[in-house]
């Protein structure tokens, strides 16, 4: 076989549509336009009411929102600076390296500041900005003793996700101001937020695709039990769990529900589901590609007569 020739007994699958360089979720820009429109209409209505002499503290607060948002962003940036541990080449060095590599990968002009803050059992991380500065905050529970993560690949995905928020423009003051009213409208604001989270997941996936099972594990079962989570079984339930309240839980959430999020991270051929659950159960075959499989039984299902004392499973799983 000549050098560089593809083996006859195998081939490389090209990356799936959402497995290559990060893309915005297709709902993000339309929902951004809708939310900005709602915000502008809201501001015009408030100004009109004030001109008519209909004053209230709420109206005055909204008119002062540019200053209020500036203060909130400044305080949010100050808190980790005075209470957190800054990631540097000598403190939480692995995390610092991940931030630097993600910033370089996504073409940022500056390396974002990065801090570790006390988690007290909470699993979280976020990105924000103030002025021209951008920063990432990671809760300490994502690290182990000595600054090493229990699952380094999951941590790298999470940091890539947060740097992705910065790279995609989600932390911009002007963007947050322009969406400040519309983001509080049920369904509309939450839809934009979920689309942005899917976009950031695209960055996280591109940063470290092998971190996906660990991320879903830690977000669903915690930092100690993450390895006990069967990723495919968890993602399958995005299709299996159905009903109005399941739909409503996702529609009202600022983040995609975890089962839908897992399904989107497994199937990189399409964008993450926004309003309707995935209909097909799939298995990964490499490079983000998938193939449909015969739907397996519900994971809670057991053979008839196998339960003790005549117990039966619920009538509908």
C-alpha atoms as a PDB file:
ATOM      1  CA  UNK A   1       0.000   0.000   0.000  1.00  0.00           C
ATOM      2  CA  UNK A   2       1.362   3.401  -0.986  1.00  0.00           C
ATOM      3  CA  UNK A   3       1.984   6.054   1.643  1.00  0.00           C
ATOM      4  CA  UNK A   4      -1.187   8.031   2.302  1.00  0.00           C
ATOM      5  CA  UNK A   5      -3.395   5.450   0.589  1.00  0.00           C
ATOM      6  CA  UNK A   6      -6.690   4.582   2.291  1.00  0.00           C
ATOM      7  CA  UNK A   7      -6.813   0.959   3.495  1.00  0.00           C
ATOM      8  CA  UNK A   8      -9.216  -1.187   1.504  1.00  0.00           C
ATOM      9  CA  UNK A   9     -10.819  -2.649   4.592  1.00  0.00           C
ATOM     10  CA  UNK A  10     -11.787   0.684   6.151  1.00  0.00           C
ATOM     11  CA  UNK A  11     -12.265   4.364   5.563  1.00  0.00           C
ATOM     12  CA  UNK A  12     -12.493   7.623   7.473  1.00  0.00           C
ATOM     13  CA  UNK A  13     -15.919   9.164   7.746  1.00  0.00           C
ATOM     14  CA  UNK A  14     -15.905  12.901   7.062  1.00  0.00           C
ATOM     15  CA  UNK A  15     -16.957  14.979  10.081  1.00  0.00           C
ATOM     16  CA  UNK A  16     -20.694  15.377  10.492  1.00  0.00           C
ATOM     17  CA  UNK A  17     -22.211  18.816   9.916  1.00  0.00           C
ATOM     18  CA  UNK A  18     -21.933  19.838  13.573  1.00  0.00           C
ATOM     19  CA  UNK A  19     -18.710  17.954  14.290  1.00  0.00           C
ATOM     20  CA  UNK A  20     -16.464  20.322  12.378  1.00  0.00           C
ATOM     21  CA  UNK A  21     -15.686  23.927  13.212  1.00  0.00           C
ATOM     22  CA  UNK A  22     -18.309  25.346  15.578  1.00  0.00           C
ATOM     23  CA  UNK A  23     -21.522  26.654  14.053  1.00  0.00           C
ATOM     24  CA  UNK A  24     -24.264  28.792  15.509  1.00  0.00           C
ATOM     25  CA  UNK A  25     -27.431  26.877  16.247  1.00  0.00           C
ATOM     26  CA  UNK A  26     -29.850  27.671  13.377  1.00  0.00           C
ATOM     27  CA  UNK A  27     -32.407  29.095  15.829  1.00  0.00           C
ATOM     28  CA  UNK A  28     -29.974  31.536  17.435  1.00  0.00           C
ATOM     29  CA  UNK A  29     -30.044  34.428  14.953  1.00  0.00           C
ATOM     30  CA  UNK A  30     -33.838  34.317  14.297  1.00  0.00           C
ATOM     31  CA  UNK A  31     -34.536  34.196  18.037  1.00  0.00           C
ATOM     32  CA  UNK A  32     -31.988  36.946  18.667  1.00  0.00           C
ATOM     33  CA  UNK A  33     -33.786  39.171  16.167  1.00  0.00           C
ATOM     34  CA  UNK A  34     -37.139  38.351  17.770  1.00  0.00           C
ATOM     35  CA  UNK A  35     -35.883  39.084  21.298  1.00  0.00           C
ATOM     36  CA  UNK A  36     -34.222  42.364  20.254  1.00  0.00           C
ATOM     37  CA  UNK A  37     -37.457  43.397  18.523  1.00  0.00           C
ATOM     38  CA  UNK A  38     -39.449  42.646  21.674  1.00  0.00           C
ATOM     39  CA  UNK A  39     -36.937  44.641  23.736  1.00  0.00           C
ATOM     40  CA  UNK A  40     -37.101  47.652  21.415  1.00  0.00           C
ATOM     41  CA  UNK A  41     -40.899  47.603  21.368  1.00  0.00           C
ATOM     42  CA  UNK A  42     -40.884  47.354  25.161  1.00  0.00           C
ATOM     43  CA  UNK A  43     -38.571  50.341  25.516  1.00  0.00           C
ATOM     44  CA  UNK A  44     -40.651  52.435  23.116  1.00  0.00           C
ATOM     45  CA  UNK A  45     -43.805  51.561  25.040  1.00  0.00           C
ATOM     46  CA  UNK A  46     -42.172  52.532  28.326  1.00  0.00           C
ATOM     47  CA  UNK A  47     -40.951  55.854  26.949  1.00  0.00           C
ATOM     48  CA  UNK A  48     -44.432  56.533  25.590  1.00  0.00           C
ATOM     49  CA  UNK A  49     -46.050  55.778  28.953  1.00  0.00           C
ATOM     50  CA  UNK A  50     -43.564  58.025  30.732  1.00  0.00           C
ATOM     51  CA  UNK A  51     -44.296  60.841  28.295  1.00  0.00           C
ATOM     52  CA  UNK A  52     -47.995  60.384  29.010  1.00  0.00           C
ATOM     53  CA  UNK A  53     -47.283  60.823  32.699  1.00  0.00           C
ATOM     54  CA  UNK A  54     -47.779  57.190  33.708  1.00  0.00           C
ATOM     55  CA  UNK A  55     -44.818  56.761  36.030  1.00  0.00           C
ATOM     56  CA  UNK A  56     -43.876  53.774  38.126  1.00  0.00           C
ATOM     57  CA  UNK A  57     -40.730  52.472  39.762  1.00  0.00           C
ATOM     58  CA  UNK A  58     -40.689  49.596  37.278  1.00  0.00           C
ATOM     59  CA  UNK A  59     -40.697  51.931  34.291  1.00  0.00           C
ATOM     60  CA  UNK A  60     -37.902  54.020  35.787  1.00  0.00           C
ATOM     61  CA  UNK A  61     -35.874  50.870  36.473  1.00  0.00           C
ATOM     62  CA  UNK A  62     -36.147  49.786  32.844  1.00  0.00           C
ATOM     63  CA  UNK A  63     -35.080  53.227  31.648  1.00  0.00           C
ATOM     64  CA  UNK A  64     -32.073  52.969  33.961  1.00  0.00           C
ATOM     65  CA  UNK A  65     -31.289  49.447  32.742  1.00  0.00           C
ATOM     66  CA  UNK A  66     -28.124  50.406  30.771  1.00  0.00           C
ATOM     67  CA  UNK A  67     -26.532  51.664  33.992  1.00  0.00           C
ATOM     68  CA  UNK A  68     -27.938  48.790  36.067  1.00  0.00           C
ATOM     69  CA  UNK A  69     -26.542  46.218  33.612  1.00  0.00           C
ATOM     70  CA  UNK A  70     -23.143  47.947  33.708  1.00  0.00           C
ATOM     71  CA  UNK A  71     -23.118  47.747  37.505  1.00  0.00           C
ATOM     72  CA  UNK A  72     -24.187  44.083  37.522  1.00  0.00           C
ATOM     73  CA  UNK A  73     -21.469  43.129  35.054  1.00  0.00           C
ATOM     74  CA  UNK A  74     -18.869  45.055  37.044  1.00  0.00           C
ATOM     75  CA  UNK A  75     -19.858  43.371  40.310  1.00  0.00           C
ATOM     76  CA  UNK A  76     -19.961  39.945  38.642  1.00  0.00           C
ATOM     77  CA  UNK A  77     -16.397  40.494  37.427  1.00  0.00           C
ATOM     78  CA  UNK A  78     -15.202  41.845  40.793  1.00  0.00           C
ATOM     79  CA  UNK A  79     -16.466  38.909  42.871  1.00  0.00           C
ATOM     80  CA  UNK A  80     -14.112  36.215  41.495  1.00  0.00           C
ATOM     81  CA  UNK A  81     -11.260  38.736  41.397  1.00  0.00           C
ATOM     82  CA  UNK A  82     -11.443  39.268  45.155  1.00  0.00           C
ATOM     83  CA  UNK A  83     -12.793  35.884  46.306  1.00  0.00           C
ATOM     84  CA  UNK A  84     -11.605  33.355  43.722  1.00  0.00           C
ATOM     85  CA  UNK A  85      -8.330  31.776  42.702  1.00  0.00           C
ATOM     86  CA  UNK A  86      -7.030  32.968  39.353  1.00  0.00           C
ATOM     87  CA  UNK A  87      -5.946  30.261  36.946  1.00  0.00           C
ATOM     88  CA  UNK A  88      -2.306  30.831  36.015  1.00  0.00           C
ATOM     89  CA  UNK A  89       0.592  28.684  34.788  1.00  0.00           C
ATOM     90  CA  UNK A  90       1.300  27.876  38.465  1.00  0.00           C
ATOM     91  CA  UNK A  91      -2.251  27.700  39.928  1.00  0.00           C
ATOM     92  CA  UNK A  92      -4.796  25.326  38.391  1.00  0.00           C
ATOM     93  CA  UNK A  93      -2.301  25.032  35.562  1.00  0.00           C
ATOM     94  CA  UNK A  94      -4.369  22.468  33.612  1.00  0.00           C
ATOM     95  CA  UNK A  95      -7.378  24.770  33.588  1.00  0.00           C
ATOM     96  CA  UNK A  96      -5.233  27.733  32.535  1.00  0.00           C
ATOM     97  CA  UNK A  97      -3.786  25.731  29.662  1.00  0.00           C
ATOM     98  CA  UNK A  98      -7.278  24.734  28.511  1.00  0.00           C
ATOM     99  CA  UNK A  99      -8.442  28.353  28.524  1.00  0.00           C
ATOM    100  CA  UNK A 100      -5.386  29.508  26.541  1.00  0.00           C
ATOM    101  CA  UNK A 101      -5.752  26.720  23.975  1.00  0.00           C
ATOM    102  CA  UNK A 102      -9.484  27.377  23.527  1.00  0.00           C
ATOM    103  CA  UNK A 103      -8.902  31.129  23.112  1.00  0.00           C
ATOM    104  CA  UNK A 104      -6.239  30.470  20.455  1.00  0.00           C
ATOM    105  CA  UNK A 105      -8.394  27.864  18.707  1.00  0.00           C
ATOM    106  CA  UNK A 106     -11.337  30.248  18.385  1.00  0.00           C
ATOM    107  CA  UNK A 107      -9.360  33.307  17.335  1.00  0.00           C
ATOM    108  CA  UNK A 108      -9.883  35.490  20.376  1.00  0.00           C
ATOM    109  CA  UNK A 109      -7.721  38.607  20.565  1.00  0.00           C
ATOM    110  CA  UNK A 110      -7.040  38.220  24.277  1.00  0.00           C
ATOM    111  CA  UNK A 111      -6.906  35.291  26.670  1.00  0.00           C
ATOM    112  CA  UNK A 112      -9.950  35.543  28.961  1.00  0.00           C
ATOM    113  CA  UNK A 113      -9.292  35.807  32.666  1.00  0.00           C
ATOM    114  CA  UNK A 114     -10.195  32.553  34.400  1.00  0.00           C
ATOM    115  CA  UNK A 115     -11.037  31.935  38.051  1.00  0.00           C
ATOM    116  CA  UNK A 116     -11.909  29.046  40.338  1.00  0.00           C
ATOM    117  CA  UNK A 117     -14.494  29.859  43.020  1.00  0.00           C
ATOM    118  CA  UNK A 118     -15.824  27.813  45.912  1.00  0.00           C
ATOM    119  CA  UNK A 119     -18.578  25.521  44.675  1.00  0.00           C
ATOM    120  CA  UNK A 120     -19.908  24.127  47.963  1.00  0.00           C
ATOM    121  CA  UNK A 121     -21.184  21.093  46.081  1.00  0.00           C
ATOM    122  CA  UNK A 122     -22.532  22.973  43.069  1.00  0.00           C
ATOM    123  CA  UNK A 123     -21.457  21.959  39.565  1.00  0.00           C
ATOM    124  CA  UNK A 124     -21.351  25.097  37.454  1.00  0.00           C
ATOM    125  CA  UNK A 125     -19.270  27.374  35.269  1.00  0.00           C
ATOM    126  CA  UNK A 126     -20.074  30.582  33.430  1.00  0.00           C
ATOM    127  CA  UNK A 127     -18.593  33.222  31.156  1.00  0.00           C
ATOM    128  CA  UNK A 128     -19.233  36.945  31.209  1.00  0.00           C
ATOM    129  CA  UNK A 129     -17.556  40.261  30.562  1.00  0.00           C
ATOM    130  CA  UNK A 130     -17.071  43.803  31.767  1.00  0.00           C
ATOM    131  CA  UNK A 131     -15.772  46.569  29.554  1.00  0.00           C
ATOM    132  CA  UNK A 132     -13.251  45.042  27.182  1.00  0.00           C
ATOM    133  CA  UNK A 133     -12.479  42.169  29.559  1.00  0.00           C
ATOM    134  CA  UNK A 134     -13.923  38.691  29.216  1.00  0.00           C
ATOM    135  CA  UNK A 135     -13.670  36.032  31.879  1.00  0.00           C
ATOM    136  CA  UNK A 136     -14.560  32.463  32.764  1.00  0.00           C
ATOM    137  CA  UNK A 137     -15.502  31.232  36.240  1.00  0.00           C
ATOM    138  CA  UNK A 138     -15.364  27.531  37.124  1.00  0.00           C
ATOM    139  CA  UNK A 139     -16.768  26.193  40.395  1.00  0.00           C
ATOM    140  CA  UNK A 140     -14.209  24.304  42.456  1.00  0.00           C
ATOM    141  CA  UNK A 141     -16.182  21.039  42.463  1.00  0.00           C
ATOM    142  CA  UNK A 142     -15.134  20.500  38.853  1.00  0.00           C
ATOM    143  CA  UNK A 143     -11.556  20.178  40.145  1.00  0.00           C
ATOM    144  CA  UNK A 144     -10.036  17.621  42.453  1.00  0.00           C
ATOM    145  CA  UNK A 145      -7.290  18.111  45.051  1.00  0.00           C
ATOM    146  CA  UNK A 146      -4.288  19.802  43.520  1.00  0.00           C
ATOM    147  CA  UNK A 147      -6.293  21.366  40.716  1.00  0.00           C
ATOM    148  CA  UNK A 148      -6.736  18.172  38.715  1.00  0.00           C
ATOM    149  CA  UNK A 149     -10.164  17.256  37.409  1.00  0.00           C
ATOM    150  CA  UNK A 150     -11.661  13.818  38.041  1.00  0.00           C
ATOM    151  CA  UNK A 151     -12.391  13.729  34.295  1.00  0.00           C
ATOM    152  CA  UNK A 152      -9.957  16.116  32.523  1.00  0.00           C
ATOM    153  CA  UNK A 153     -11.682  15.655  29.167  1.00  0.00           C
ATOM    154  CA  UNK A 154     -15.027  16.693  30.629  1.00  0.00           C
ATOM    155  CA  UNK A 155     -13.409  19.770  32.184  1.00  0.00           C
ATOM    156  CA  UNK A 156     -11.853  20.658  28.831  1.00  0.00           C
ATOM    157  CA  UNK A 157     -15.267  20.387  27.165  1.00  0.00           C
ATOM    158  CA  UNK A 158     -16.768  22.670  29.837  1.00  0.00           C
ATOM    159  CA  UNK A 159     -14.037  25.279  29.460  1.00  0.00           C
ATOM    160  CA  UNK A 160     -14.370  25.094  25.668  1.00  0.00           C
ATOM    161  CA  UNK A 161     -18.128  25.607  26.112  1.00  0.00           C
ATOM    162  CA  UNK A 162     -17.593  28.727  28.233  1.00  0.00           C
ATOM    163  CA  UNK A 163     -14.917  30.195  25.951  1.00  0.00           C
ATOM    164  CA  UNK A 164     -17.364  29.421  23.133  1.00  0.00           C
ATOM    165  CA  UNK A 165     -19.907  31.765  24.733  1.00  0.00           C
ATOM    166  CA  UNK A 166     -17.259  34.496  24.502  1.00  0.00           C
ATOM    167  CA  UNK A 167     -16.253  33.625  20.931  1.00  0.00           C
ATOM    168  CA  UNK A 168     -19.911  33.584  19.806  1.00  0.00           C
ATOM    169  CA  UNK A 169     -20.546  37.056  21.236  1.00  0.00           C
ATOM    170  CA  UNK A 170     -22.939  35.957  23.973  1.00  0.00           C
ATOM    171  CA  UNK A 171     -21.125  37.980  26.652  1.00  0.00           C
ATOM    172  CA  UNK A 172     -21.286  41.326  24.820  1.00  0.00           C
ATOM    173  CA  UNK A 173     -22.689  44.230  26.860  1.00  0.00           C
ATOM    174  CA  UNK A 174     -24.611  45.581  23.882  1.00  0.00           C
ATOM    175  CA  UNK A 175     -26.099  42.191  23.080  1.00  0.00           C
ATOM    176  CA  UNK A 176     -27.207  41.689  26.677  1.00  0.00           C
ATOM    177  CA  UNK A 177     -28.671  45.193  26.798  1.00  0.00           C
ATOM    178  CA  UNK A 178     -30.507  44.728  23.497  1.00  0.00           C
ATOM    179  CA  UNK A 179     -32.070  41.491  24.747  1.00  0.00           C
ATOM    180  CA  UNK A 180     -32.670  42.552  28.367  1.00  0.00           C
ATOM    181  CA  UNK A 181     -36.467  42.855  28.123  1.00  0.00           C
ATOM    182  CA  UNK A 182     -37.155  40.092  25.618  1.00  0.00           C
ATOM    183  CA  UNK A 183     -35.123  37.518  27.564  1.00  0.00           C
ATOM    184  CA  UNK A 184     -37.720  37.751  30.343  1.00  0.00           C
ATOM    185  CA  UNK A 185     -40.602  36.819  28.048  1.00  0.00           C
ATOM    186  CA  UNK A 186     -41.544  33.146  28.680  1.00  0.00           C
ATOM    187  CA  UNK A 187     -40.834  30.767  25.783  1.00  0.00           C
ATOM    188  CA  UNK A 188     -39.236  33.496  23.652  1.00  0.00           C
ATOM    189  CA  UNK A 189     -36.347  34.417  25.923  1.00  0.00           C
ATOM    190  CA  UNK A 190     -35.791  30.834  27.025  1.00  0.00           C
ATOM    191  CA  UNK A 191     -35.668  29.698  23.377  1.00  0.00           C
ATOM    192  CA  UNK A 192     -32.840  32.137  22.620  1.00  0.00           C
ATOM    193  CA  UNK A 193     -31.013  31.012  25.759  1.00  0.00           C
ATOM    194  CA  UNK A 194     -31.287  27.334  24.771  1.00  0.00           C
ATOM    195  CA  UNK A 195     -30.080  28.092  21.243  1.00  0.00           C
ATOM    196  CA  UNK A 196     -27.055  29.880  22.708  1.00  0.00           C
ATOM    197  CA  UNK A 197     -26.324  26.900  24.951  1.00  0.00           C
ATOM    198  CA  UNK A 198     -26.448  24.548  21.966  1.00  0.00           C
ATOM    199  CA  UNK A 199     -24.055  26.893  20.148  1.00  0.00           C
ATOM    200  CA  UNK A 200     -21.659  26.842  23.107  1.00  0.00           C
ATOM    201  CA  UNK A 201     -21.941  23.041  23.162  1.00  0.00           C
ATOM    202  CA  UNK A 202     -20.770  23.063  19.545  1.00  0.00           C
ATOM    203  CA  UNK A 203     -17.628  24.847  20.741  1.00  0.00           C
ATOM    204  CA  UNK A 204     -17.214  22.447  23.638  1.00  0.00           C
ATOM    205  CA  UNK A 205     -17.596  19.454  21.326  1.00  0.00           C
ATOM    206  CA  UNK A 206     -15.028  20.832  18.888  1.00  0.00           C
ATOM    207  CA  UNK A 207     -12.655  21.439  21.800  1.00  0.00           C
ATOM    208  CA  UNK A 208     -12.889  17.913  23.232  1.00  0.00           C
ATOM    209  CA  UNK A 209     -15.504  15.533  21.770  1.00  0.00           C
ATOM    210  CA  UNK A 210     -14.311  12.723  24.040  1.00  0.00           C
ATOM    211  CA  UNK A 211     -15.419  14.812  27.020  1.00  0.00           C
ATOM    212  CA  UNK A 212     -19.114  14.490  26.147  1.00  0.00           C
ATOM    213  CA  UNK A 213     -19.954  11.381  28.250  1.00  0.00           C
ATOM    214  CA  UNK A 214     -18.171  12.827  31.274  1.00  0.00           C
ATOM    215  CA  UNK A 215     -19.968  16.172  30.952  1.00  0.00           C
ATOM    216  CA  UNK A 216     -23.384  14.520  30.794  1.00  0.00           C
ATOM    217  CA  UNK A 217     -22.377  12.268  33.663  1.00  0.00           C
ATOM    218  CA  UNK A 218     -21.244  15.086  35.939  1.00  0.00           C
ATOM    219  CA  UNK A 219     -24.236  17.304  35.131  1.00  0.00           C
ATOM    220  CA  UNK A 220     -26.727  14.498  35.736  1.00  0.00           C
ATOM    221  CA  UNK A 221     -25.179  12.457  38.557  1.00  0.00           C
ATOM    222  CA  UNK A 222     -22.461  14.649  40.061  1.00  0.00           C
ATOM    223  CA  UNK A 223     -18.687  14.643  40.251  1.00  0.00           C
ATOM    224  CA  UNK A 224     -18.382  11.282  42.050  1.00  0.00           C
ATOM    225  CA  UNK A 225     -20.957   9.233  40.117  1.00  0.00           C
ATOM    226  CA  UNK A 226     -20.327  10.520  36.592  1.00  0.00           C
ATOM    227  CA  UNK A 227     -18.692   7.275  35.440  1.00  0.00           C
ATOM    228  CA  UNK A 228     -21.785   5.282  36.480  1.00  0.00           C
ATOM    229  CA  UNK A 229     -23.940   6.993  33.830  1.00  0.00           C
ATOM    230  CA  UNK A 230     -24.548   4.997  30.634  1.00  0.00           C
ATOM    231  CA  UNK A 231     -24.333   7.783  28.046  1.00  0.00           C
ATOM    232  CA  UNK A 232     -26.254   6.013  25.268  1.00  0.00           C
ATOM    233  CA  UNK A 233     -29.014   4.892  27.618  1.00  0.00           C
ATOM    234  CA  UNK A 234     -29.292   8.445  28.959  1.00  0.00           C
ATOM    235  CA  UNK A 235     -29.435   9.956  25.455  1.00  0.00           C
ATOM    236  CA  UNK A 236     -32.013   7.354  24.337  1.00  0.00           C
ATOM    237  CA  UNK A 237     -34.426   8.709  26.920  1.00  0.00           C
ATOM    238  CA  UNK A 238     -34.696  11.950  24.954  1.00  0.00           C
ATOM    239  CA  UNK A 239     -36.853   9.888  22.592  1.00  0.00           C
ATOM    240  CA  UNK A 240     -38.470   7.666  25.206  1.00  0.00           C
ATOM    241  CA  UNK A 241     -39.592  10.339  27.681  1.00  0.00           C
ATOM    242  CA  UNK A 242     -42.642  12.084  26.243  1.00  0.00           C
ATOM    243  CA  UNK A 243     -45.730  14.042  27.246  1.00  0.00           C
ATOM    244  CA  UNK A 244     -46.881  17.621  27.675  1.00  0.00           C
ATOM    245  CA  UNK A 245     -45.045  18.274  30.926  1.00  0.00           C
ATOM    246  CA  UNK A 246     -41.800  16.911  29.499  1.00  0.00           C
ATOM    247  CA  UNK A 247     -42.222  19.283  26.574  1.00  0.00           C
ATOM    248  CA  UNK A 248     -43.091  22.218  28.862  1.00  0.00           C
ATOM    249  CA  UNK A 249     -40.096  21.591  31.106  1.00  0.00           C
ATOM    250  CA  UNK A 250     -37.785  22.014  28.143  1.00  0.00           C
ATOM    251  CA  UNK A 251     -39.711  24.898  26.550  1.00  0.00           C
ATOM    252  CA  UNK A 252     -39.485  26.975  29.736  1.00  0.00           C
ATOM    253  CA  UNK A 253     -35.857  26.126  30.509  1.00  0.00           C
ATOM    254  CA  UNK A 254     -32.874  28.385  29.823  1.00  0.00           C
ATOM    255  CA  UNK A 255     -30.747  25.299  29.059  1.00  0.00           C
ATOM    256  CA  UNK A 256     -31.775  22.283  26.981  1.00  0.00           C
ATOM    257  CA  UNK A 257     -32.942  19.459  29.243  1.00  0.00           C
ATOM    258  CA  UNK A 258     -30.070  17.055  29.749  1.00  0.00           C
ATOM    259  CA  UNK A 259     -31.505  14.086  27.855  1.00  0.00           C
ATOM    260  CA  UNK A 260     -32.086  16.252  24.764  1.00  0.00           C
ATOM    261  CA  UNK A 261     -28.660  17.802  25.196  1.00  0.00           C
ATOM    262  CA  UNK A 262     -27.050  14.359  25.357  1.00  0.00           C
ATOM    263  CA  UNK A 263     -28.913  13.297  22.203  1.00  0.00           C
ATOM    264  CA  UNK A 264     -27.678  16.420  20.385  1.00  0.00           C
ATOM    265  CA  UNK A 265     -24.083  15.798  21.439  1.00  0.00           C
ATOM    266  CA  UNK A 266     -24.320  12.195  20.227  1.00  0.00           C
ATOM    267  CA  UNK A 267     -25.911  13.011  16.854  1.00  0.00           C
ATOM    268  CA  UNK A 268     -23.759  15.709  15.253  1.00  0.00           C
ATOM    269  CA  UNK A 269     -25.513  15.440  11.893  1.00  0.00           C
ATOM    270  CA  UNK A 270     -28.209  17.899  12.994  1.00  0.00           C
ATOM    271  CA  UNK A 271     -28.764  20.778  15.365  1.00  0.00           C
ATOM    272  CA  UNK A 272     -30.029  20.159  18.887  1.00  0.00           C
ATOM    273  CA  UNK A 273     -33.786  19.788  19.315  1.00  0.00           C
ATOM    274  CA  UNK A 274     -35.459  23.003  20.469  1.00  0.00           C
ATOM    275  CA  UNK A 275     -39.185  22.283  20.868  1.00  0.00           C
ATOM    276  CA  UNK A 276     -39.822  18.672  19.895  1.00  0.00           C
ATOM    277  CA  UNK A 277     -37.973  15.632  21.165  1.00  0.00           C
ATOM    278  CA  UNK A 278     -35.713  13.596  18.870  1.00  0.00           C
ATOM    279  CA  UNK A 279     -37.758  10.900  17.164  1.00  0.00           C
ATOM    280  CA  UNK A 280     -35.036   8.400  16.260  1.00  0.00           C
ATOM    281  CA  UNK A 281     -32.684   6.480  18.506  1.00  0.00           C
ATOM    282  CA  UNK A 282     -29.208   6.325  17.029  1.00  0.00           C
ATOM    283  CA  UNK A 283     -25.694   5.117  17.772  1.00  0.00           C
ATOM    284  CA  UNK A 284     -22.470   6.907  16.940  1.00  0.00           C
ATOM    285  CA  UNK A 285     -20.273   5.493  14.193  1.00  0.00           C
ATOM    286  CA  UNK A 286     -17.436   8.021  14.297  1.00  0.00           C
ATOM    287  CA  UNK A 287     -16.732  11.660  13.483  1.00  0.00           C
ATOM    288  CA  UNK A 288     -20.119  12.688  14.869  1.00  0.00           C
ATOM    289  CA  UNK A 289     -22.001  10.506  12.384  1.00  0.00           C
ATOM    290  CA  UNK A 290     -24.761   8.166  13.505  1.00  0.00           C
ATOM    291  CA  UNK A 291     -26.921   5.311  12.294  1.00  0.00           C
ATOM    292  CA  UNK A 292     -30.493   4.592  13.350  1.00  0.00           C
ATOM    293  CA  UNK A 293     -31.032   1.480  15.459  1.00  0.00           C
ATOM    294  CA  UNK A 294     -34.061  -0.546  16.460  1.00  0.00           C
ATOM    295  CA  UNK A 295     -35.452   1.209  19.546  1.00  0.00           C
ATOM    296  CA  UNK A 296     -34.287  -0.715  22.617  1.00  0.00           C
ATOM    297  CA  UNK A 297     -36.723  -1.438  25.440  1.00  0.00           C
ATOM    298  CA  UNK A 298     -37.191   1.273  28.011  1.00  0.00           C
ATOM    299  CA  UNK A 299     -34.275   0.927  30.464  1.00  0.00           C
ATOM    300  CA  UNK A 300     -36.689   0.465  33.382  1.00  0.00           C
ATOM    301  CA  UNK A 301     -38.581  -2.354  31.657  1.00  0.00           C
ATOM    302  CA  UNK A 302     -38.193  -5.884  33.063  1.00  0.00           C
ATOM    303  CA  UNK A 303     -39.482  -9.259  31.964  1.00  0.00           C
ATOM    304  CA  UNK A 304     -43.001 -10.165  33.062  1.00  0.00           C
ATOM    305  CA  UNK A 305     -43.029 -12.133  36.302  1.00  0.00           C
ATOM    306  CA  UNK A 306     -39.470 -11.200  37.253  1.00  0.00           C
ATOM    307  CA  UNK A 307     -40.449  -8.886  40.098  1.00  0.00           C
ATOM    308  CA  UNK A 308     -41.044 -10.300  43.585  1.00  0.00           C
ATOM    309  CA  UNK A 309     -44.363 -10.590  45.380  1.00  0.00           C
ATOM    310  CA  UNK A 310     -46.434 -10.130  42.220  1.00  0.00           C
ATOM    311  CA  UNK A 311     -45.228  -6.574  41.604  1.00  0.00           C
ATOM    312  CA  UNK A 312     -45.958  -5.114  38.169  1.00  0.00           C
ATOM    313  CA  UNK A 313     -44.254  -2.337  36.271  1.00  0.00           C
ATOM    314  CA  UNK A 314     -46.186   0.934  35.806  1.00  0.00           C
ATOM    315  CA  UNK A 315     -48.851   0.611  33.077  1.00  0.00           C
ATOM    316  CA  UNK A 316     -46.954   2.926  30.720  1.00  0.00           C
ATOM    317  CA  UNK A 317     -43.252   3.696  30.635  1.00  0.00           C
END
